Amino acid sequence: MANAPAQTAAPLYAGLRKLEAQLAERRDALERGRDLLESRIAGVDKELSDVAATYSVLKKLALMELPNDHQAHVAAVCDAEAVVKEALGEAQVRAIENRPLPALEAVPAPRAEETPADDDPMSEEHGAMLKRLAPEEPQKKEKKKEKEKISPAAARRERVTEILAASGEPMTARQVAEALGHSGTDRTRVEGIRTLLNSMLAKADIVRAGRGLYAATTGC
């Protein structure tokens, strides 16, 4: 019974030692991260100091009055260089001079399809637009108007006239309906054709050749 507390405490001590090792490792990692950040901050501070000193010197140079004489001008430039080296130090001046310039982005060359061809000043789209705007030929224009004017009813009357002319003899409404592709036993269709024939009679498109008989005008 006396060994029971010791057996219970052993796993607890082992867990505490493991946790202590993990915390020590985490502490070391954080310290290394802190040192790295401090180093970077020191570098940034130094660069800020260099920029501030350079700005101060350039501001002084901007206020300097350069003489018109060439030799005096060269001497003034040398004096300005000496001022810069004195303010920044020889090492800082050399570091600034050797600092690489930012790379310029290459301008992409125009694609072949975007480059206008010298021997073809009119593009396909421009040519198509001019073609649409060009006036139509008189014959084509007249045919187009004739097609637009013919309605379905007019086309049907024209077809009936052609059937009567081709028959060469008078026809009944049922025969005309059958010639149009309808069934002769369909009374509704036949009566519709009879109404159409009577309407054409009234307009003198066809003639009556007897009771219930119709014929083309050329057959009279």
N, C-alpha and C. Protein backbone atom coordinates (compact mmCIF):
# COMPACT_ATOMS: atom_id res chain seq x y z
N MET A 1 0.82 -1.21 0.00
CA MET A 1 0.00 0.00 0.00
C MET A 1 0.86 1.27 0.00
N ALA A 2 2.08 1.17 0.56
CA ALA A 2 2.93 2.36 0.64
C ALA A 2 3.46 2.76 -0.73
N ASN A 3 3.54 1.75 -1.66
CA ASN A 3 4.05 2.07 -3.00
C ASN A 3 2.99 2.70 -3.91
N ALA A 4 1.72 2.72 -3.47
CA ALA A 4 0.64 3.22 -4.33
C ALA A 4 0.83 4.70 -4.68
N PRO A 5 1.14 5.61 -3.73
CA PRO A 5 1.33 7.02 -4.09
C PRO A 5 2.48 7.21 -5.05
N ALA A 6 3.58 6.45 -4.86
CA ALA A 6 4.74 6.61 -5.74
C ALA A 6 4.40 6.18 -7.15
N GLN A 7 3.63 5.09 -7.28
CA GLN A 7 3.24 4.63 -8.61
C GLN A 7 2.31 5.64 -9.29
N THR A 8 1.48 6.31 -8.53
CA THR A 8 0.55 7.29 -9.10
C THR A 8 1.29 8.56 -9.52
N ALA A 9 2.32 8.94 -8.72
CA ALA A 9 3.04 10.19 -9.01
C ALA A 9 4.02 10.05 -10.17
N ALA A 10 4.48 8.82 -10.45
CA ALA A 10 5.49 8.62 -11.49
C ALA A 10 5.00 9.12 -12.87
N PRO A 11 3.80 8.73 -13.34
CA PRO A 11 3.33 9.25 -14.64
C PRO A 11 3.17 10.76 -14.65
N LEU A 12 2.78 11.33 -13.50
CA LEU A 12 2.60 12.77 -13.41
C LEU A 12 3.93 13.49 -13.59
N TYR A 13 4.98 12.99 -12.91
CA TYR A 13 6.30 13.59 -13.04
C TYR A 13 6.83 13.47 -14.48
N ALA A 14 6.56 12.33 -15.10
CA ALA A 14 7.02 12.14 -16.48
C ALA A 14 6.32 13.14 -17.42
N GLY A 15 5.04 13.36 -17.21
CA GLY A 15 4.31 14.32 -18.03
C GLY A 15 4.81 15.73 -17.82
N LEU A 16 5.15 16.07 -16.57
CA LEU A 16 5.66 17.42 -16.29
C LEU A 16 7.01 17.64 -16.95
N ARG A 17 7.90 16.62 -16.91
CA ARG A 17 9.20 16.76 -17.55
C ARG A 17 9.05 16.93 -19.07
N LYS A 18 8.12 16.20 -19.68
CA LYS A 18 7.88 16.32 -21.11
C LYS A 18 7.37 17.72 -21.46
N LEU A 19 6.44 18.24 -20.65
CA LEU A 19 5.91 19.57 -20.88
C LEU A 19 6.99 20.63 -20.72
N GLU A 20 7.89 20.43 -19.71
CA GLU A 20 8.98 21.37 -19.49
C GLU A 20 9.91 21.42 -20.70
N ALA A 21 10.20 20.25 -21.28
CA ALA A 21 11.07 20.21 -22.46
C ALA A 21 10.41 20.92 -23.64
N GLN A 22 9.11 20.71 -23.83
CA GLN A 22 8.40 21.36 -24.92
C GLN A 22 8.39 22.88 -24.75
N LEU A 23 8.18 23.35 -23.52
CA LEU A 23 8.16 24.78 -23.27
C LEU A 23 9.54 25.40 -23.50
N ALA A 24 10.59 24.68 -23.13
CA ALA A 24 11.95 25.19 -23.34
C ALA A 24 12.25 25.29 -24.84
N GLU A 25 11.80 24.29 -25.60
CA GLU A 25 12.01 24.32 -27.05
C GLU A 25 11.23 25.48 -27.68
N ARG A 26 10.01 25.69 -27.21
CA ARG A 26 9.20 26.80 -27.72
C ARG A 26 9.83 28.14 -27.38
N ARG A 27 10.39 28.26 -26.16
CA ARG A 27 11.06 29.51 -25.74
C ARG A 27 12.25 29.81 -26.63
N ASP A 28 13.04 28.77 -26.93
CA ASP A 28 14.21 28.98 -27.79
C ASP A 28 13.80 29.44 -29.19
N ALA A 29 12.72 28.84 -29.71
CA ALA A 29 12.25 29.23 -31.03
C ALA A 29 11.79 30.68 -31.04
N LEU A 30 11.08 31.10 -30.00
CA LEU A 30 10.61 32.49 -29.92
C LEU A 30 11.79 33.46 -29.80
N GLU A 31 12.80 33.08 -29.05
CA GLU A 31 13.97 33.95 -28.91
C GLU A 31 14.70 34.10 -30.25
N ARG A 32 14.80 33.00 -30.99
CA ARG A 32 15.44 33.10 -32.31
C ARG A 32 14.63 34.00 -33.25
N GLY A 33 13.30 33.87 -33.18
CA GLY A 33 12.45 34.74 -33.99
C GLY A 33 12.59 36.20 -33.60
N ARG A 34 12.73 36.45 -32.29
CA ARG A 34 12.91 37.84 -31.83
C ARG A 34 14.22 38.41 -32.33
N ASP A 35 15.29 37.62 -32.26
CA ASP A 35 16.59 38.10 -32.73
C ASP A 35 16.54 38.41 -34.23
N LEU A 36 15.84 37.55 -34.98
CA LEU A 36 15.75 37.78 -36.42
C LEU A 36 14.99 39.07 -36.72
N LEU A 37 13.88 39.29 -36.01
CA LEU A 37 13.10 40.51 -36.21
C LEU A 37 13.90 41.75 -35.82
N GLU A 38 14.65 41.66 -34.73
CA GLU A 38 15.46 42.81 -34.31
C GLU A 38 16.53 43.12 -35.35
N SER A 39 17.10 42.07 -35.96
CA SER A 39 18.10 42.29 -37.00
C SER A 39 17.49 42.98 -38.21
N ARG A 40 16.29 42.54 -38.59
CA ARG A 40 15.63 43.16 -39.73
C ARG A 40 15.25 44.61 -39.43
N ILE A 41 14.78 44.85 -38.21
CA ILE A 41 14.40 46.21 -37.84
C ILE A 41 15.62 47.13 -37.86
N ALA A 42 16.77 46.59 -37.41
CA ALA A 42 17.99 47.39 -37.43
C ALA A 42 18.39 47.74 -38.87
N GLY A 43 18.23 46.77 -39.79
CA GLY A 43 18.54 47.04 -41.19
C GLY A 43 17.62 48.09 -41.78
N VAL A 44 16.32 48.01 -41.44
CA VAL A 44 15.37 49.01 -41.93
C VAL A 44 15.69 50.39 -41.37
N ASP A 45 16.03 50.45 -40.10
CA ASP A 45 16.38 51.74 -39.49
C ASP A 45 17.60 52.36 -40.18
N LYS A 46 18.58 51.50 -40.50
CA LYS A 46 19.78 52.00 -41.16
C LYS A 46 19.45 52.54 -42.56
N GLU A 47 18.60 51.81 -43.28
CA GLU A 47 18.23 52.26 -44.62
C GLU A 47 17.44 53.56 -44.55
N LEU A 48 16.56 53.69 -43.55
CA LEU A 48 15.82 54.94 -43.38
C LEU A 48 16.75 56.10 -43.08
N SER A 49 17.76 55.83 -42.29
CA SER A 49 18.73 56.88 -41.98
C SER A 49 19.49 57.31 -43.23
N ASP A 50 19.88 56.32 -44.07
CA ASP A 50 20.58 56.64 -45.31
C ASP A 50 19.70 57.47 -46.24
N VAL A 51 18.43 57.09 -46.34
CA VAL A 51 17.51 57.82 -47.21
C VAL A 51 17.31 59.24 -46.72
N ALA A 52 17.19 59.40 -45.41
CA ALA A 52 17.00 60.74 -44.85
C ALA A 52 18.22 61.61 -45.12
N ALA A 53 19.42 61.03 -44.96
CA ALA A 53 20.64 61.81 -45.21
C ALA A 53 20.75 62.18 -46.68
N THR A 54 20.43 61.21 -47.55
CA THR A 54 20.49 61.50 -48.99
C THR A 54 19.50 62.59 -49.38
N TYR A 55 18.31 62.52 -48.82
CA TYR A 55 17.30 63.54 -49.11
C TYR A 55 17.77 64.92 -48.66
N SER A 56 18.42 64.98 -47.50
CA SER A 56 18.90 66.26 -46.99
C SER A 56 19.96 66.85 -47.91
N VAL A 57 20.88 65.97 -48.40
CA VAL A 57 21.93 66.46 -49.29
C VAL A 57 21.35 66.92 -50.62
N LEU A 58 20.41 66.13 -51.18
CA LEU A 58 19.81 66.50 -52.45
C LEU A 58 19.03 67.81 -52.34
N LYS A 59 18.43 68.03 -51.18
CA LYS A 59 17.70 69.28 -50.97
C LYS A 59 18.66 70.46 -50.99
N LYS A 60 19.87 70.26 -50.37
CA LYS A 60 20.86 71.33 -50.40
C LYS A 60 21.35 71.58 -51.82
N LEU A 61 21.57 70.49 -52.57
CA LEU A 61 22.05 70.64 -53.94
C LEU A 61 21.02 71.37 -54.81
N ALA A 62 19.73 71.10 -54.57
CA ALA A 62 18.69 71.75 -55.36
C ALA A 62 18.67 73.25 -55.14
N LEU A 63 19.12 73.68 -53.96
CA LEU A 63 19.10 75.11 -53.66
C LEU A 63 20.37 75.82 -54.12
N MET A 64 21.37 75.02 -54.56
CA MET A 64 22.62 75.63 -55.01
C MET A 64 22.43 76.32 -56.37
N GLU A 65 23.08 77.46 -56.57
CA GLU A 65 23.05 78.17 -57.84
C GLU A 65 24.28 77.79 -58.64
N LEU A 66 24.07 77.12 -59.79
CA LEU A 66 25.19 76.71 -60.63
C LEU A 66 25.57 77.84 -61.57
N PRO A 67 26.83 78.15 -61.71
CA PRO A 67 27.27 79.23 -62.61
C PRO A 67 27.17 78.82 -64.07
N ASN A 68 27.15 79.80 -64.94
CA ASN A 68 27.06 79.55 -66.37
C ASN A 68 28.39 79.10 -66.96
N ASP A 69 29.49 79.51 -66.36
CA ASP A 69 30.80 79.15 -66.87
C ASP A 69 31.03 77.65 -66.76
N HIS A 70 31.59 77.04 -67.81
CA HIS A 70 31.74 75.58 -67.84
C HIS A 70 32.68 75.08 -66.74
N GLN A 71 33.83 75.71 -66.60
CA GLN A 71 34.78 75.27 -65.59
C GLN A 71 34.22 75.45 -64.19
N ALA A 72 33.58 76.60 -63.97
CA ALA A 72 32.98 76.82 -62.66
C ALA A 72 31.86 75.80 -62.40
N HIS A 73 31.15 75.42 -63.47
CA HIS A 73 30.09 74.44 -63.34
C HIS A 73 30.66 73.09 -62.90
N VAL A 74 31.77 72.67 -63.55
CA VAL A 74 32.40 71.40 -63.19
C VAL A 74 32.90 71.44 -61.75
N ALA A 75 33.47 72.57 -61.36
CA ALA A 75 33.96 72.70 -59.99
C ALA A 75 32.82 72.61 -58.99
N ALA A 76 31.67 73.20 -59.32
CA ALA A 76 30.53 73.16 -58.42
C ALA A 76 30.02 71.73 -58.28
N VAL A 77 30.01 70.98 -59.38
CA VAL A 77 29.57 69.60 -59.31
C VAL A 77 30.51 68.77 -58.44
N CYS A 78 31.82 69.00 -58.56
CA CYS A 78 32.79 68.29 -57.72
C CYS A 78 32.59 68.65 -56.26
N ASP A 79 32.32 69.92 -55.99
CA ASP A 79 32.04 70.33 -54.61
C ASP A 79 30.80 69.64 -54.08
N ALA A 80 29.79 69.52 -54.94
CA ALA A 80 28.56 68.85 -54.51
C ALA A 80 28.83 67.38 -54.20
N GLU A 81 29.68 66.75 -55.03
CA GLU A 81 30.03 65.35 -54.78
C GLU A 81 30.76 65.21 -53.46
N ALA A 82 31.63 66.16 -53.18
CA ALA A 82 32.36 66.13 -51.91
C ALA A 82 31.40 66.29 -50.74
N VAL A 83 30.38 67.14 -50.92
CA VAL A 83 29.39 67.34 -49.85
C VAL A 83 28.64 66.04 -49.58
N VAL A 84 28.28 65.35 -50.65
CA VAL A 84 27.55 64.10 -50.49
C VAL A 84 28.40 63.07 -49.77
N LYS A 85 29.68 62.93 -50.18
CA LYS A 85 30.56 61.94 -49.54
C LYS A 85 30.81 62.28 -48.08
N GLU A 86 30.90 63.57 -47.81
CA GLU A 86 31.14 63.98 -46.43
C GLU A 86 29.93 63.69 -45.56
N ALA A 87 28.74 63.89 -46.12
CA ALA A 87 27.53 63.69 -45.32
C ALA A 87 27.22 62.21 -45.12
N LEU A 88 27.45 61.42 -46.16
CA LEU A 88 27.06 60.02 -46.07
C LEU A 88 28.21 59.09 -45.78
N GLY A 89 29.40 59.49 -46.11
CA GLY A 89 30.52 58.59 -45.96
C GLY A 89 30.80 57.86 -47.26
N GLU A 90 32.06 57.53 -47.48
CA GLU A 90 32.48 56.90 -48.74
C GLU A 90 31.78 55.57 -48.94
N ALA A 91 31.65 54.76 -47.87
CA ALA A 91 31.04 53.42 -48.01
C ALA A 91 29.58 53.52 -48.38
N GLN A 92 28.84 54.45 -47.78
CA GLN A 92 27.42 54.59 -48.09
C GLN A 92 27.21 55.09 -49.51
N VAL A 93 28.06 56.02 -49.97
CA VAL A 93 27.94 56.52 -51.33
C VAL A 93 28.18 55.39 -52.32
N ARG A 94 29.22 54.57 -52.06
CA ARG A 94 29.50 53.46 -52.96
C ARG A 94 28.35 52.45 -52.95
N ALA A 95 27.75 52.22 -51.78
CA ALA A 95 26.63 51.27 -51.70
C ALA A 95 25.42 51.78 -52.48
N ILE A 96 25.19 53.10 -52.42
CA ILE A 96 24.06 53.67 -53.15
C ILE A 96 24.30 53.61 -54.65
N GLU A 97 25.56 53.89 -55.08
CA GLU A 97 25.86 53.85 -56.50
C GLU A 97 25.76 52.44 -57.06
N ASN A 98 26.14 51.44 -56.24
CA ASN A 98 26.12 50.05 -56.71
C ASN A 98 24.77 49.38 -56.53
N ARG A 99 23.84 50.08 -55.93
CA ARG A 99 22.52 49.46 -55.71
C ARG A 99 21.84 49.25 -57.06
N PRO A 100 21.37 48.04 -57.34
CA PRO A 100 20.77 47.76 -58.66
C PRO A 100 19.47 48.51 -58.84
N LEU A 101 19.27 48.96 -60.05
CA LEU A 101 18.01 49.62 -60.39
C LEU A 101 16.90 48.60 -60.56
N PRO A 102 15.67 48.97 -60.25
CA PRO A 102 14.56 48.01 -60.45
C PRO A 102 14.41 47.66 -61.91
N ALA A 103 14.13 46.38 -62.13
CA ALA A 103 13.98 45.89 -63.51
C ALA A 103 12.73 46.47 -64.14
N LEU A 104 12.85 46.88 -65.39
CA LEU A 104 11.70 47.41 -66.12
C LEU A 104 10.94 46.26 -66.76
N GLU A 105 9.63 46.35 -66.70
CA GLU A 105 8.80 45.32 -67.32
C GLU A 105 8.88 45.43 -68.84
N ALA A 106 9.06 44.30 -69.46
CA ALA A 106 9.14 44.27 -70.92
C ALA A 106 7.77 44.56 -71.52
N VAL A 107 7.76 45.44 -72.51
CA VAL A 107 6.51 45.76 -73.19
C VAL A 107 6.22 44.67 -74.21
N PRO A 108 5.07 43.97 -74.09
CA PRO A 108 4.79 42.89 -75.04
C PRO A 108 4.62 43.42 -76.45
N ALA A 109 5.18 42.67 -77.38
CA ALA A 109 5.06 43.05 -78.79
C ALA A 109 3.63 42.83 -79.26
N PRO A 110 3.11 43.65 -80.16
CA PRO A 110 1.74 43.46 -80.65
C PRO A 110 1.61 42.14 -81.37
N ARG A 111 0.47 41.48 -81.15
CA ARG A 111 0.24 40.20 -81.82
C ARG A 111 0.03 40.42 -83.31
N ALA A 112 0.26 39.33 -84.03
CA ALA A 112 0.19 39.43 -85.50
C ALA A 112 -1.18 39.85 -85.97
N GLU A 113 -2.23 39.33 -85.29
CA GLU A 113 -3.56 39.67 -85.76
C GLU A 113 -3.95 41.09 -85.42
N GLU A 114 -3.23 41.74 -84.45
CA GLU A 114 -3.54 43.11 -84.09
C GLU A 114 -2.77 44.11 -84.95
N THR A 115 -1.72 43.65 -85.66
CA THR A 115 -0.91 44.55 -86.48
C THR A 115 -1.57 44.76 -87.82
N PRO A 116 -1.91 45.98 -88.20
CA PRO A 116 -2.57 46.21 -89.49
C PRO A 116 -1.62 45.92 -90.63
N ALA A 117 -2.11 45.26 -91.64
CA ALA A 117 -1.30 44.93 -92.81
C ALA A 117 -1.21 46.14 -93.72
N ASP A 118 0.02 46.41 -94.21
CA ASP A 118 0.22 47.57 -95.06
C ASP A 118 -0.44 47.40 -96.42
N ASP A 119 -0.47 46.13 -96.91
CA ASP A 119 -1.02 45.91 -98.23
C ASP A 119 -2.52 45.66 -98.21
N ASP A 120 -3.14 45.68 -97.05
CA ASP A 120 -4.58 45.45 -96.96
C ASP A 120 -5.18 46.47 -96.00
N PRO A 121 -5.35 47.72 -96.44
CA PRO A 121 -5.84 48.76 -95.52
C PRO A 121 -7.27 48.54 -95.10
N MET A 122 -8.04 47.79 -95.85
CA MET A 122 -9.45 47.58 -95.51
C MET A 122 -9.59 46.22 -94.83
N SER A 123 -10.04 46.22 -93.59
CA SER A 123 -10.23 44.96 -92.88
C SER A 123 -11.46 44.25 -93.39
N GLU A 124 -11.57 42.97 -93.01
CA GLU A 124 -12.73 42.20 -93.46
C GLU A 124 -14.03 42.79 -92.92
N GLU A 125 -14.00 43.24 -91.67
CA GLU A 125 -15.21 43.81 -91.07
C GLU A 125 -15.61 45.10 -91.78
N HIS A 126 -14.61 45.93 -92.12
CA HIS A 126 -14.90 47.18 -92.82
C HIS A 126 -15.48 46.88 -94.20
N GLY A 127 -14.89 45.88 -94.88
CA GLY A 127 -15.40 45.52 -96.21
C GLY A 127 -16.81 45.00 -96.15
N ALA A 128 -17.12 44.19 -95.10
CA ALA A 128 -18.48 43.68 -94.98
C ALA A 128 -19.47 44.80 -94.73
N MET A 129 -19.05 45.81 -93.93
CA MET A 129 -19.94 46.93 -93.65
C MET A 129 -20.22 47.73 -94.92
N LEU A 130 -19.17 47.97 -95.73
CA LEU A 130 -19.37 48.70 -96.98
C LEU A 130 -20.26 47.92 -97.95
N LYS A 131 -20.12 46.60 -97.89
CA LYS A 131 -20.94 45.77 -98.78
C LYS A 131 -22.41 45.87 -98.41
N ARG A 132 -22.66 45.91 -97.07
CA ARG A 132 -24.06 46.04 -96.63
C ARG A 132 -24.64 47.40 -97.00
N LEU A 133 -23.78 48.45 -96.95
CA LEU A 133 -24.27 49.79 -97.23
C LEU A 133 -24.34 50.10 -98.72
N ALA A 134 -23.72 49.26 -99.56
CA ALA A 134 -23.74 49.51 -101.01
C ALA A 134 -25.16 49.37 -101.55
N PRO A 135 -25.54 50.23 -102.49
CA PRO A 135 -26.89 50.14 -103.05
C PRO A 135 -27.09 48.84 -103.83
N GLU A 136 -28.27 48.24 -103.69
CA GLU A 136 -28.56 47.01 -104.39
C GLU A 136 -28.81 47.27 -105.87
N GLU A 137 -28.55 46.26 -106.68
CA GLU A 137 -28.83 46.36 -108.10
C GLU A 137 -30.34 46.46 -108.32
N PRO A 138 -30.77 47.20 -109.34
CA PRO A 138 -32.22 47.41 -109.54
C PRO A 138 -32.99 46.10 -109.69
N GLN A 139 -32.46 45.11 -110.44
CA GLN A 139 -33.19 43.86 -110.65
C GLN A 139 -33.34 43.09 -109.35
N LYS A 140 -32.25 43.00 -108.59
CA LYS A 140 -32.33 42.29 -107.31
C LYS A 140 -33.28 43.00 -106.36
N LYS A 141 -33.27 44.33 -106.42
CA LYS A 141 -34.15 45.10 -105.55
C LYS A 141 -35.62 44.85 -105.89
N GLU A 142 -35.94 44.80 -107.18
CA GLU A 142 -37.31 44.56 -107.61
C GLU A 142 -37.77 43.16 -107.23
N LYS A 143 -36.89 42.15 -107.43
CA LYS A 143 -37.25 40.78 -107.05
C LYS A 143 -37.48 40.66 -105.55
N LYS A 144 -36.62 41.37 -104.77
CA LYS A 144 -36.78 41.33 -103.34
C LYS A 144 -38.11 41.94 -102.91
N LYS A 145 -38.51 43.04 -103.58
CA LYS A 145 -39.78 43.67 -103.26
C LYS A 145 -40.95 42.76 -103.62
N GLU A 146 -40.83 42.07 -104.77
CA GLU A 146 -41.91 41.18 -105.19
C GLU A 146 -42.10 40.04 -104.19
N LYS A 147 -40.98 39.49 -103.69
CA LYS A 147 -41.08 38.40 -102.71
C LYS A 147 -41.70 38.89 -101.41
N GLU A 148 -41.31 40.14 -101.03
CA GLU A 148 -41.86 40.67 -99.79
C GLU A 148 -43.35 40.97 -99.92
N LYS A 149 -43.79 41.34 -101.13
CA LYS A 149 -45.19 41.71 -101.33
C LYS A 149 -46.11 40.50 -101.33
N ILE A 150 -45.63 39.33 -101.78
CA ILE A 150 -46.49 38.14 -101.92
C ILE A 150 -46.80 37.58 -100.54
N SER A 151 -48.08 37.63 -100.17
CA SER A 151 -48.53 37.08 -98.90
C SER A 151 -48.93 35.63 -99.10
N PRO A 152 -49.11 34.87 -98.02
CA PRO A 152 -49.55 33.47 -98.16
C PRO A 152 -50.86 33.33 -98.94
N ALA A 153 -51.82 34.25 -98.70
CA ALA A 153 -53.10 34.18 -99.41
C ALA A 153 -52.91 34.43 -100.90
N ALA A 154 -52.03 35.41 -101.22
CA ALA A 154 -51.77 35.71 -102.63
C ALA A 154 -51.07 34.54 -103.31
N ALA A 155 -50.16 33.91 -102.57
CA ALA A 155 -49.47 32.76 -103.14
C ALA A 155 -50.44 31.61 -103.40
N ARG A 156 -51.42 31.47 -102.52
CA ARG A 156 -52.40 30.40 -102.70
C ARG A 156 -53.28 30.67 -103.92
N ARG A 157 -53.69 31.92 -104.10
CA ARG A 157 -54.49 32.26 -105.27
C ARG A 157 -53.70 32.04 -106.55
N GLU A 158 -52.40 32.38 -106.50
CA GLU A 158 -51.56 32.17 -107.67
C GLU A 158 -51.43 30.69 -107.99
N ARG A 159 -51.35 29.87 -106.96
CA ARG A 159 -51.25 28.43 -107.17
C ARG A 159 -52.54 27.88 -107.79
N VAL A 160 -53.69 28.37 -107.32
CA VAL A 160 -54.97 27.93 -107.88
C VAL A 160 -55.06 28.30 -109.36
N THR A 161 -54.61 29.53 -109.69
CA THR A 161 -54.62 29.96 -111.09
C THR A 161 -53.75 29.05 -111.95
N GLU A 162 -52.59 28.67 -111.43
CA GLU A 162 -51.69 27.77 -112.16
C GLU A 162 -52.33 26.40 -112.38
N ILE A 163 -53.04 25.90 -111.35
CA ILE A 163 -53.68 24.58 -111.47
C ILE A 163 -54.77 24.61 -112.54
N LEU A 164 -55.59 25.66 -112.54
CA LEU A 164 -56.67 25.77 -113.53
C LEU A 164 -56.09 25.92 -114.95
N ALA A 165 -55.00 26.68 -115.06
CA ALA A 165 -54.40 26.88 -116.38
C ALA A 165 -53.77 25.59 -116.88
N ALA A 166 -53.15 24.84 -116.00
CA ALA A 166 -52.51 23.59 -116.40
C ALA A 166 -53.53 22.50 -116.74
N SER A 167 -54.70 22.58 -116.11
CA SER A 167 -55.72 21.55 -116.37
C SER A 167 -56.24 21.63 -117.80
N GLY A 168 -56.45 22.81 -118.31
CA GLY A 168 -56.97 22.99 -119.67
C GLY A 168 -58.45 22.79 -119.79
N GLU A 169 -59.13 22.47 -118.70
CA GLU A 169 -60.59 22.29 -118.70
C GLU A 169 -61.13 22.73 -117.35
N PRO A 170 -62.40 23.06 -117.29
CA PRO A 170 -62.98 23.52 -116.03
C PRO A 170 -62.84 22.47 -114.92
N MET A 171 -62.75 22.95 -113.70
CA MET A 171 -62.58 22.06 -112.54
C MET A 171 -63.57 22.45 -111.45
N THR A 172 -63.94 21.46 -110.64
CA THR A 172 -64.80 21.73 -109.49
C THR A 172 -63.94 22.11 -108.30
N ALA A 173 -64.60 22.61 -107.25
CA ALA A 173 -63.88 22.98 -106.03
C ALA A 173 -63.19 21.76 -105.42
N ARG A 174 -63.85 20.57 -105.52
CA ARG A 174 -63.25 19.35 -104.97
C ARG A 174 -61.98 18.99 -105.73
N GLN A 175 -62.02 19.11 -107.07
CA GLN A 175 -60.85 18.78 -107.87
C GLN A 175 -59.69 19.74 -107.58
N VAL A 176 -60.02 21.01 -107.40
CA VAL A 176 -58.96 21.99 -107.07
C VAL A 176 -58.36 21.65 -105.70
N ALA A 177 -59.21 21.28 -104.74
CA ALA A 177 -58.72 20.92 -103.40
C ALA A 177 -57.79 19.72 -103.48
N GLU A 178 -58.18 18.71 -104.29
CA GLU A 178 -57.34 17.52 -104.43
C GLU A 178 -56.01 17.88 -105.11
N ALA A 179 -56.07 18.81 -106.10
CA ALA A 179 -54.84 19.23 -106.77
C ALA A 179 -53.91 19.97 -105.81
N LEU A 180 -54.50 20.62 -104.81
CA LEU A 180 -53.70 21.31 -103.80
C LEU A 180 -53.17 20.36 -102.73
N GLY A 181 -53.55 19.09 -102.80
CA GLY A 181 -53.05 18.12 -101.84
C GLY A 181 -53.99 17.81 -100.71
N HIS A 182 -55.24 18.32 -100.77
CA HIS A 182 -56.21 18.05 -99.72
C HIS A 182 -57.09 16.86 -100.12
N SER A 183 -57.77 16.34 -99.12
CA SER A 183 -58.68 15.23 -99.39
C SER A 183 -59.99 15.75 -99.96
N GLY A 184 -60.49 15.08 -101.02
CA GLY A 184 -61.75 15.53 -101.63
C GLY A 184 -62.95 15.24 -100.76
N THR A 185 -62.79 14.38 -99.77
CA THR A 185 -63.91 14.04 -98.87
C THR A 185 -63.97 14.97 -97.66
N ASP A 186 -62.99 15.82 -97.52
CA ASP A 186 -62.98 16.77 -96.39
C ASP A 186 -63.82 17.96 -96.78
N ARG A 187 -65.06 18.02 -96.28
CA ARG A 187 -66.00 19.06 -96.69
C ARG A 187 -65.51 20.44 -96.26
N THR A 188 -64.86 20.50 -95.10
CA THR A 188 -64.37 21.80 -94.63
C THR A 188 -63.33 22.37 -95.58
N ARG A 189 -62.41 21.51 -96.03
CA ARG A 189 -61.39 21.95 -96.98
C ARG A 189 -62.01 22.34 -98.31
N VAL A 190 -62.93 21.51 -98.78
CA VAL A 190 -63.55 21.78 -100.08
C VAL A 190 -64.32 23.09 -100.05
N GLU A 191 -65.07 23.32 -98.97
CA GLU A 191 -65.83 24.58 -98.87
C GLU A 191 -64.89 25.77 -98.76
N GLY A 192 -63.76 25.59 -98.11
CA GLY A 192 -62.78 26.68 -98.04
C GLY A 192 -62.24 27.02 -99.41
N ILE A 193 -61.98 25.97 -100.22
CA ILE A 193 -61.50 26.21 -101.59
C ILE A 193 -62.59 26.86 -102.42
N ARG A 194 -63.86 26.46 -102.21
CA ARG A 194 -64.97 27.06 -102.95
C ARG A 194 -65.07 28.55 -102.63
N THR A 195 -64.91 28.89 -101.35
CA THR A 195 -64.94 30.31 -100.95
C THR A 195 -63.81 31.08 -101.63
N LEU A 196 -62.62 30.46 -101.68
CA LEU A 196 -61.49 31.10 -102.33
C LEU A 196 -61.76 31.30 -103.83
N LEU A 197 -62.34 30.28 -104.47
CA LEU A 197 -62.64 30.39 -105.91
C LEU A 197 -63.66 31.48 -106.18
N ASN A 198 -64.67 31.59 -105.36
CA ASN A 198 -65.67 32.64 -105.54
C ASN A 198 -65.05 34.03 -105.34
N SER A 199 -64.11 34.12 -104.39
CA SER A 199 -63.43 35.40 -104.19
C SER A 199 -62.59 35.76 -105.42
N MET A 200 -61.96 34.76 -106.02
CA MET A 200 -61.17 35.01 -107.22
C MET A 200 -62.07 35.35 -108.40
N LEU A 201 -63.29 34.78 -108.41
CA LEU A 201 -64.26 35.15 -109.46
C LEU A 201 -64.62 36.63 -109.36
N ALA A 202 -64.82 37.09 -108.13
CA ALA A 202 -65.22 38.48 -107.94
C ALA A 202 -64.11 39.44 -108.37
N LYS A 203 -62.89 38.98 -108.30
CA LYS A 203 -61.75 39.83 -108.71
C LYS A 203 -61.35 39.58 -110.16
N ALA A 204 -62.11 38.71 -110.84
CA ALA A 204 -61.85 38.40 -112.25
C ALA A 204 -60.50 37.71 -112.45
N ASP A 205 -60.02 37.02 -111.41
CA ASP A 205 -58.78 36.27 -111.58
C ASP A 205 -59.05 34.97 -112.35
N ILE A 206 -60.27 34.43 -112.21
CA ILE A 206 -60.69 33.24 -112.93
C ILE A 206 -62.11 33.49 -113.45
N VAL A 207 -62.64 32.54 -114.21
CA VAL A 207 -64.00 32.68 -114.75
C VAL A 207 -64.81 31.44 -114.37
N ARG A 208 -66.13 31.61 -114.37
CA ARG A 208 -67.02 30.47 -114.13
C ARG A 208 -67.31 29.81 -115.48
N ALA A 209 -67.15 28.51 -115.54
CA ALA A 209 -67.35 27.77 -116.79
C ALA A 209 -68.62 26.94 -116.74
N GLY A 210 -69.43 27.12 -115.77
CA GLY A 210 -70.67 26.36 -115.61
C GLY A 210 -71.00 26.30 -114.14
N ARG A 211 -72.07 25.59 -113.85
CA ARG A 211 -72.48 25.50 -112.45
C ARG A 211 -71.46 24.66 -111.67
N GLY A 212 -70.78 25.31 -110.69
CA GLY A 212 -69.79 24.63 -109.86
C GLY A 212 -68.49 24.36 -110.57
N LEU A 213 -68.29 24.98 -111.76
CA LEU A 213 -67.08 24.76 -112.53
C LEU A 213 -66.30 26.08 -112.63
N TYR A 214 -64.98 25.95 -112.54
CA TYR A 214 -64.12 27.13 -112.58
C TYR A 214 -63.00 26.88 -113.58
N ALA A 215 -62.56 27.95 -114.25
CA ALA A 215 -61.52 27.82 -115.25
C ALA A 215 -60.64 29.07 -115.23
N ALA A 216 -59.43 28.90 -115.77
CA ALA A 216 -58.53 30.03 -115.85
C ALA A 216 -59.02 30.99 -116.94
N THR A 217 -58.65 32.23 -116.82
CA THR A 217 -59.10 33.24 -117.78
C THR A 217 -58.57 32.94 -119.17
N THR A 218 -57.42 32.36 -119.28
CA THR A 218 -56.83 32.05 -120.59
C THR A 218 -57.57 30.92 -121.28
N GLY A 219 -58.40 30.17 -120.55
CA GLY A 219 -59.12 29.06 -121.16
C GLY A 219 -60.45 29.45 -121.71
N CYS A 220 -60.86 30.73 -121.54
CA CYS A 220 -62.17 31.15 -122.05
C CYS A 220 -62.08 31.49 -123.50
